N, C-alpha and C. Protein backbone atom coordinates (compact mmCIF):
# COMPACT_ATOMS: atom_id res chain seq x y z
N TRP A 1 -7.54 18.87 5.93
CA TRP A 1 -7.32 17.83 7.12
C TRP A 1 -8.02 17.20 7.67
N SER A 2 -7.95 16.09 8.37
CA SER A 2 -8.91 15.42 9.53
C SER A 2 -8.22 14.48 9.80
N ARG A 3 -8.49 14.85 11.38
CA ARG A 3 -7.94 12.99 12.18
C ARG A 3 -8.77 12.33 11.93
N TRP A 4 -7.74 10.77 11.91
CA TRP A 4 -8.38 9.93 11.39
C TRP A 4 -8.07 8.84 12.29
N GLU A 5 -9.10 8.05 12.81
CA GLU A 5 -9.04 7.40 13.84
C GLU A 5 -9.43 5.66 13.53
N PRO A 6 -8.34 5.00 12.90
CA PRO A 6 -9.09 3.97 12.20
C PRO A 6 -9.73 2.86 13.25
N VAL A 7 -8.99 2.42 14.39
CA VAL A 7 -9.24 1.69 15.39
C VAL A 7 -9.07 2.22 16.60
N GLU A 8 -9.99 2.00 17.91
CA GLU A 8 -9.95 2.50 19.11
C GLU A 8 -8.89 2.16 19.85
N GLY A 9 -8.61 2.98 20.80
CA GLY A 9 -7.11 2.29 21.66
C GLY A 9 -5.39 3.13 21.01
N LEU A 10 -5.84 4.22 20.11
CA LEU A 10 -4.60 4.64 19.66
C LEU A 10 -4.27 5.88 20.76
N GLU A 11 -2.88 6.12 20.75
CA GLU A 11 -2.10 7.18 21.48
C GLU A 11 -2.09 7.96 20.63
N HIS A 12 -1.37 9.12 21.33
CA HIS A 12 -1.14 10.49 20.72
C HIS A 12 0.29 10.45 19.97
N GLY A 13 0.98 10.05 20.78
CA GLY A 13 2.60 9.74 19.83
C GLY A 13 3.27 8.44 19.73
N TYR A 14 3.57 8.48 18.30
CA TYR A 14 4.49 7.31 17.59
C TYR A 14 5.37 8.01 17.01
N TYR A 15 6.21 7.04 16.53
CA TYR A 15 7.67 7.02 15.61
C TYR A 15 7.25 6.37 14.89
N VAL A 16 7.83 6.60 13.52
CA VAL A 16 7.93 5.54 12.57
C VAL A 16 8.99 4.47 12.74
N ASP A 17 9.14 3.29 13.06
CA ASP A 17 10.26 2.15 13.57
C ASP A 17 10.25 1.40 12.10
N GLY A 18 9.63 1.13 11.08
CA GLY A 18 9.93 0.60 10.13
C GLY A 18 9.12 0.80 8.79
N ILE A 19 9.81 0.31 7.59
CA ILE A 19 8.67 0.55 6.41
C ILE A 19 8.59 -1.02 5.78
N ILE A 20 8.15 -1.62 5.31
CA ILE A 20 8.07 -2.93 4.87
C ILE A 20 7.32 -2.69 2.97
N ASP A 21 8.06 -2.44 2.23
CA ASP A 21 7.65 -2.34 0.73
C ASP A 21 7.63 -3.74 -0.14
N SER A 22 6.36 -4.45 0.38
CA SER A 22 6.61 -5.60 -1.06
C SER A 22 5.43 -5.19 -1.95
N ILE A 23 5.65 -6.75 -2.37
CA ILE A 23 5.05 -6.46 -3.88
C ILE A 23 3.52 -6.76 -3.26
N ASN A 24 2.99 -7.23 -2.07
CA ASN A 24 1.33 -7.30 -1.97
C ASN A 24 1.19 -6.04 -1.26
N GLU A 25 1.87 -5.70 -0.59
CA GLU A 25 1.73 -4.44 0.76
C GLU A 25 2.66 -3.55 1.11
N LEU A 26 2.21 -2.65 1.95
CA LEU A 26 3.03 -1.76 2.66
C LEU A 26 2.54 -1.56 3.95
N LYS A 27 3.47 -1.71 4.55
CA LYS A 27 3.53 -2.04 5.87
C LYS A 27 4.28 -1.33 6.65
N ILE A 28 3.71 -0.30 7.66
CA ILE A 28 4.23 0.83 8.62
C ILE A 28 3.81 0.11 9.59
N ARG A 29 5.42 0.34 10.80
CA ARG A 29 5.03 0.08 12.17
C ARG A 29 5.41 0.93 12.92
N LEU A 30 4.65 1.49 13.70
CA LEU A 30 4.74 2.50 14.41
C LEU A 30 5.10 2.04 16.16
N ILE A 31 5.83 2.79 16.91
CA ILE A 31 5.96 2.67 18.06
C ILE A 31 5.54 3.72 18.83
N SER A 32 5.11 3.18 20.10
CA SER A 32 4.62 4.41 21.10
C SER A 32 5.87 5.29 21.78
N ASN A 33 5.49 6.69 21.84
CA ASN A 33 6.48 7.53 22.31
C ASN A 33 6.58 7.08 23.70
N LEU A 34 5.54 6.48 24.40
CA LEU A 34 5.12 6.58 25.76
C LEU A 34 6.09 5.04 26.49
N ASP A 35 5.63 4.13 25.56
CA ASP A 35 5.67 2.54 26.06
C ASP A 35 6.24 1.93 24.77
N ALA A 36 7.43 1.41 24.71
CA ALA A 36 8.52 0.90 23.65
C ALA A 36 7.53 -0.40 22.95
N SER A 37 6.72 -1.23 24.02
CA SER A 37 6.07 -2.60 24.08
C SER A 37 5.24 -2.16 23.35
N LEU A 38 4.50 -1.00 22.79
CA LEU A 38 3.33 -1.28 22.20
C LEU A 38 3.42 -0.04 20.66
N GLY A 39 3.40 -0.65 20.02
CA GLY A 39 2.79 0.18 18.71
C GLY A 39 1.67 -0.28 18.06
N VAL A 40 1.50 -0.03 16.30
CA VAL A 40 0.85 -0.09 15.31
C VAL A 40 1.44 -0.57 14.46
N ASP A 41 0.99 -1.51 13.78
CA ASP A 41 1.09 -1.84 12.20
C ASP A 41 -0.14 -1.29 11.34
N VAL A 42 -0.01 -0.50 10.06
CA VAL A 42 -0.62 0.31 9.57
C VAL A 42 -0.54 -0.75 8.31
N ILE A 43 -1.25 -1.40 7.52
CA ILE A 43 -0.99 -2.18 6.24
C ILE A 43 -1.89 -2.06 5.06
N PHE A 44 -1.53 -1.52 4.16
CA PHE A 44 -2.18 -0.89 2.67
C PHE A 44 -2.05 -2.31 1.82
N ASP A 45 -3.06 -2.47 1.06
CA ASP A 45 -2.64 -3.39 0.04
C ASP A 45 -3.03 -2.85 -1.29
N SER A 46 -3.57 -1.43 -1.03
CA SER A 46 -3.65 -0.74 -2.69
C SER A 46 -2.91 0.35 -2.48
N ALA A 47 -1.52 0.46 -1.79
CA ALA A 47 -0.85 1.93 -1.44
C ALA A 47 -0.19 1.96 -2.95
N TRP A 48 -0.64 3.00 -3.67
CA TRP A 48 -0.36 3.37 -4.96
C TRP A 48 1.41 3.94 -5.07
N ALA A 49 1.45 4.75 -4.07
CA ALA A 49 2.54 5.77 -3.52
C ALA A 49 2.90 6.14 -2.50
N TYR A 50 4.24 6.57 -2.05
CA TYR A 50 3.87 7.01 -0.34
C TYR A 50 5.47 7.74 -0.33
N ARG A 51 5.62 8.55 0.28
CA ARG A 51 7.08 9.66 0.53
C ARG A 51 7.02 9.12 2.02
N VAL A 52 8.37 9.10 2.80
CA VAL A 52 8.78 9.21 4.04
C VAL A 52 9.36 10.64 4.13
N THR A 53 9.53 11.55 4.62
CA THR A 53 10.29 13.02 4.90
C THR A 53 10.54 13.20 6.43
N ASN A 54 11.62 13.83 6.80
CA ASN A 54 12.13 14.10 8.08
C ASN A 54 11.12 15.51 8.18
N GLU A 55 10.43 15.57 9.65
CA GLU A 55 9.71 16.55 9.89
C GLU A 55 10.32 17.89 9.63
N SER A 56 12.30 18.43 9.82
CA SER A 56 12.40 18.68 9.50
C SER A 56 12.50 19.85 7.95
N PHE A 57 12.32 18.99 7.11
CA PHE A 57 11.39 19.14 5.75
C PHE A 57 10.06 19.54 5.31
N ARG A 58 9.14 19.58 6.35
CA ARG A 58 7.85 19.60 6.36
C ARG A 58 7.19 21.21 7.11
N LEU A 59 8.45 21.69 7.67
CA LEU A 59 8.13 22.56 8.54
C LEU A 59 7.02 24.11 7.96
N ASN A 60 6.94 24.22 7.18
CA ASN A 60 5.52 24.96 6.27
C ASN A 60 4.49 24.17 6.44
N LEU A 61 4.35 22.75 6.75
CA LEU A 61 3.17 22.10 6.68
C LEU A 61 2.82 21.95 8.01
N ILE A 62 3.71 22.34 9.11
CA ILE A 62 3.38 22.56 10.35
C ILE A 62 3.06 23.61 10.78
N TYR A 63 3.73 24.85 10.15
CA TYR A 63 3.48 25.94 10.17
C TYR A 63 1.60 26.54 9.71
N GLN A 64 1.54 25.79 8.46
CA GLN A 64 0.17 25.99 8.05
C GLN A 64 -0.87 25.31 8.93
N LEU A 65 -0.92 24.18 9.26
CA LEU A 65 -1.71 23.30 9.81
C LEU A 65 -2.29 23.90 11.52
N GLY A 66 -0.77 24.36 11.79
CA GLY A 66 -1.19 25.64 13.14
C GLY A 66 -2.01 26.63 13.21
N LEU A 67 -1.56 27.25 12.00
CA LEU A 67 -2.61 28.66 11.56
C LEU A 67 -3.87 28.04 11.50
N LYS A 68 -4.24 26.99 10.79
CA LYS A 68 -5.29 26.66 10.59
C LYS A 68 -6.19 26.05 11.48
N TYR A 69 -5.66 24.97 12.20
CA TYR A 69 -6.59 24.43 12.87
C TYR A 69 -5.81 24.48 14.35
N GLY A 70 -4.85 24.62 14.84
CA GLY A 70 -3.75 25.12 16.01
C GLY A 70 -3.08 23.92 16.37
N ASP A 71 -2.37 24.67 16.86
CA ASP A 71 -1.17 23.38 17.40
C ASP A 71 -1.50 22.16 18.26
N VAL A 72 -2.46 22.01 18.67
CA VAL A 72 -2.97 20.91 19.37
C VAL A 72 -3.13 20.03 18.15
N PHE A 73 -4.13 20.35 17.28
CA PHE A 73 -4.79 19.37 16.12
C PHE A 73 -3.41 18.58 15.93
N TYR A 74 -2.23 18.92 15.40
CA TYR A 74 -0.95 17.84 14.62
C TYR A 74 -0.17 17.44 15.88
N THR A 75 0.06 17.88 16.84
CA THR A 75 0.84 17.52 18.10
C THR A 75 0.38 16.78 19.19
N LYS A 76 -0.80 16.73 18.97
CA LYS A 76 -1.53 15.15 20.23
C LYS A 76 -2.43 14.30 18.90
N TRP A 77 -1.69 14.10 17.65
CA TRP A 77 -2.09 12.97 16.90
C TRP A 77 -0.97 12.65 15.84
N VAL A 78 -1.53 11.56 15.28
CA VAL A 78 -0.75 11.03 14.38
C VAL A 78 -1.38 10.82 13.05
N PHE A 79 -2.43 10.24 13.02
CA PHE A 79 -3.08 9.66 11.92
C PHE A 79 -4.33 10.78 11.00
N PHE A 80 -3.86 10.76 9.74
CA PHE A 80 -4.49 12.16 9.31
C PHE A 80 -5.13 11.37 7.66
N LYS A 81 -6.01 11.84 7.52
CA LYS A 81 -6.54 12.05 5.76
C LYS A 81 -6.85 13.38 5.50
N VAL A 82 -5.94 13.48 4.32
CA VAL A 82 -5.55 14.92 3.46
C VAL A 82 -6.58 15.25 2.27
N GLU A 83 -7.58 16.01 2.17
CA GLU A 83 -8.52 16.48 1.32
C GLU A 83 -7.91 17.51 0.68
N GLU A 84 -8.51 17.66 -0.80
CA GLU A 84 -7.93 18.41 -1.79
C GLU A 84 -6.13 18.49 -1.37
N SER A 85 -5.66 17.64 -1.36
CA SER A 85 -3.79 17.01 -1.31
C SER A 85 -3.33 17.66 -2.47
N ASP A 86 -2.34 18.41 -1.94
CA ASP A 86 -1.57 18.57 -2.63
C ASP A 86 -0.55 17.20 -3.44
N TYR A 87 -0.25 16.28 -2.76
CA TYR A 87 0.67 15.24 -3.09
C TYR A 87 -0.28 14.30 -4.12
N LEU A 88 -1.67 14.61 -3.84
CA LEU A 88 -2.34 13.62 -4.89
C LEU A 88 -2.38 14.59 -6.06
N ASN A 89 -2.49 16.02 -6.22
CA ASN A 89 -2.31 16.58 -7.11
C ASN A 89 -1.13 16.62 -7.87
N TRP A 90 0.31 16.22 -7.01
CA TRP A 90 1.38 16.32 -7.94
C TRP A 90 1.45 14.63 -8.76
N LEU A 91 0.53 13.62 -7.67
CA LEU A 91 0.76 12.36 -8.94
C LEU A 91 0.24 12.78 -9.68
N SER A 92 -0.83 13.41 -9.85
CA SER A 92 -1.96 13.35 -10.82
C SER A 92 -0.84 14.39 -12.43
N ARG A 93 -0.69 15.05 -11.91
CA ARG A 93 0.52 15.96 -12.94
C ARG A 93 1.86 15.08 -13.18
N GLU A 94 2.39 13.78 -12.24
CA GLU A 94 3.37 13.51 -12.75
C GLU A 94 2.82 12.14 -13.78
N SER A 95 1.51 11.90 -13.41
CA SER A 95 0.85 10.62 -14.28
C SER A 95 0.70 10.74 -15.61
N TYR A 96 0.23 11.78 -15.83
CA TYR A 96 -0.28 12.66 -16.54
C TYR A 96 -2.38 12.08 -16.58
N GLY A 97 -2.60 12.53 -15.38
CA GLY A 97 -3.64 12.10 -14.68
C GLY A 97 -3.92 10.75 -15.18
N PHE A 98 -3.14 9.74 -14.56
CA PHE A 98 -3.48 7.98 -14.55
C PHE A 98 -3.90 8.35 -13.12
N SER A 99 -3.62 8.66 -12.26
CA SER A 99 -3.71 8.55 -10.66
C SER A 99 -4.82 8.89 -10.51
N ASN A 100 -5.57 9.35 -11.57
CA ASN A 100 -7.24 10.06 -11.08
C ASN A 100 -7.91 8.91 -11.40
N SER A 101 -7.81 8.00 -12.21
CA SER A 101 -8.62 6.79 -12.15
C SER A 101 -8.64 5.75 -11.19
N ALA A 102 -7.47 6.12 -9.85
CA ALA A 102 -7.62 4.92 -9.15
C ALA A 102 -8.46 5.44 -8.04
N GLU A 103 -8.90 6.41 -8.30
CA GLU A 103 -9.78 6.70 -6.82
C GLU A 103 -9.07 6.87 -5.73
N MET A 104 -8.06 7.45 -5.52
CA MET A 104 -7.02 7.68 -4.16
C MET A 104 -7.53 8.60 -3.14
N ALA A 105 -6.99 8.02 -1.97
CA ALA A 105 -6.88 8.97 -0.79
C ALA A 105 -5.76 8.96 -0.20
N HIS A 106 -5.25 10.39 0.42
CA HIS A 106 -4.25 10.68 0.88
C HIS A 106 -4.36 10.82 2.38
N TYR A 107 -3.35 9.64 2.86
CA TYR A 107 -3.19 9.40 4.42
C TYR A 107 -1.94 9.87 4.59
N CYS A 108 -1.65 10.33 5.96
CA CYS A 108 -0.81 11.14 6.51
C CYS A 108 -0.73 10.53 7.83
N LEU A 109 0.46 10.06 8.21
CA LEU A 109 1.05 9.60 9.58
C LEU A 109 1.98 10.37 9.74
N MET A 110 2.04 11.57 10.97
CA MET A 110 2.87 12.61 11.28
C MET A 110 3.73 11.63 12.67
N GLY A 111 4.16 11.17 12.54
CA GLY A 111 5.10 10.22 13.52
C GLY A 111 6.50 11.59 13.73
N ALA A 112 6.95 11.32 15.34
CA ALA A 112 7.98 11.69 15.89
C ALA A 112 8.89 11.69 15.07
N GLU A 113 9.71 13.00 14.22
CA GLU A 113 10.61 13.02 13.43
C GLU A 113 10.39 12.66 11.88
N SER A 114 9.78 12.10 11.82
CA SER A 114 8.91 11.52 10.43
C SER A 114 7.96 11.73 9.84
N PHE A 115 7.11 12.08 8.92
CA PHE A 115 6.03 11.67 8.10
C PHE A 115 6.05 11.10 6.94
N VAL A 116 4.76 10.17 7.40
CA VAL A 116 4.78 9.73 5.97
C VAL A 116 3.77 9.67 5.38
N ASP A 117 3.56 10.14 3.88
CA ASP A 117 2.04 10.38 2.99
C ASP A 117 2.42 9.35 2.33
N ILE A 118 0.98 8.83 1.86
CA ILE A 118 0.41 7.34 1.40
C ILE A 118 -0.67 7.86 0.53
N ALA A 119 -0.73 7.24 -1.07
CA ALA A 119 -1.73 7.35 -1.98
C ALA A 119 -2.18 5.93 -2.02
N ALA A 120 -3.38 5.69 -1.35
CA ALA A 120 -4.07 4.58 -1.85
C ALA A 120 -5.65 4.30 -1.88
N SER A 121 -6.17 3.61 -3.07
CA SER A 121 -7.45 3.04 -2.94
C SER A 121 -8.13 2.69 -2.25
N THR A 122 -7.55 2.14 -1.03
CA THR A 122 -8.79 1.58 -0.05
C THR A 122 -7.95 2.00 1.28
N ASP A 123 -8.79 1.78 2.45
CA ASP A 123 -8.26 2.11 4.00
C ASP A 123 -7.48 0.70 4.14
N PRO A 124 -6.32 1.54 4.80
CA PRO A 124 -5.17 -0.02 5.35
C PRO A 124 -6.50 -0.92 6.92
N VAL A 125 -5.43 -1.91 6.65
CA VAL A 125 -5.83 -2.48 8.16
C VAL A 125 -4.82 -1.74 8.95
N VAL A 126 -5.22 -1.64 10.21
CA VAL A 126 -4.66 -0.87 11.21
C VAL A 126 -5.04 -1.96 12.65
N ASN A 127 -3.20 -2.48 13.19
CA ASN A 127 -3.40 -3.54 13.94
C ASN A 127 -3.00 -2.78 15.41
N LEU A 128 -3.23 -2.69 16.59
CA LEU A 128 -2.45 -2.48 17.85
C LEU A 128 -1.45 -3.87 18.27
N ILE A 129 -0.25 -3.41 18.51
CA ILE A 129 0.39 -4.33 18.75
C ILE A 129 1.06 -4.38 19.78
N LYS A 130 1.52 -5.55 20.51
CA LYS A 130 2.29 -5.68 21.95
C LYS A 130 3.63 -6.27 20.97
N LEU A 131 4.60 -5.65 21.55
CA LEU A 131 5.95 -6.00 21.08
C LEU A 131 6.52 -6.73 22.42
């Protein structure tokens, strides 16, 4: 796991406000925990798969990250890239290896109360927004 800072000016706390999955893109809107008038749009045009999970069902992940990196690593940040990803390995098994040809990266947005895992071939466009 590594912290990912796609643009400068990101805060350390966001919650997932909405996800729009259209034919052309996957758009995830995050809202600041500190100022509800500030947000971030994360837009993938090459998302192959994603999952949204309530943090209550990711307690083992939280525990493992705390052991490996310390609690501040994940509690003070939202945007991550995952190497040697169990999620990408699962996609590979489920697709009989087809997903390997897409050269995907695993992005994880650890928002307050929900985590979004995204498998994508290219980095997303990330925009700071004023609501």
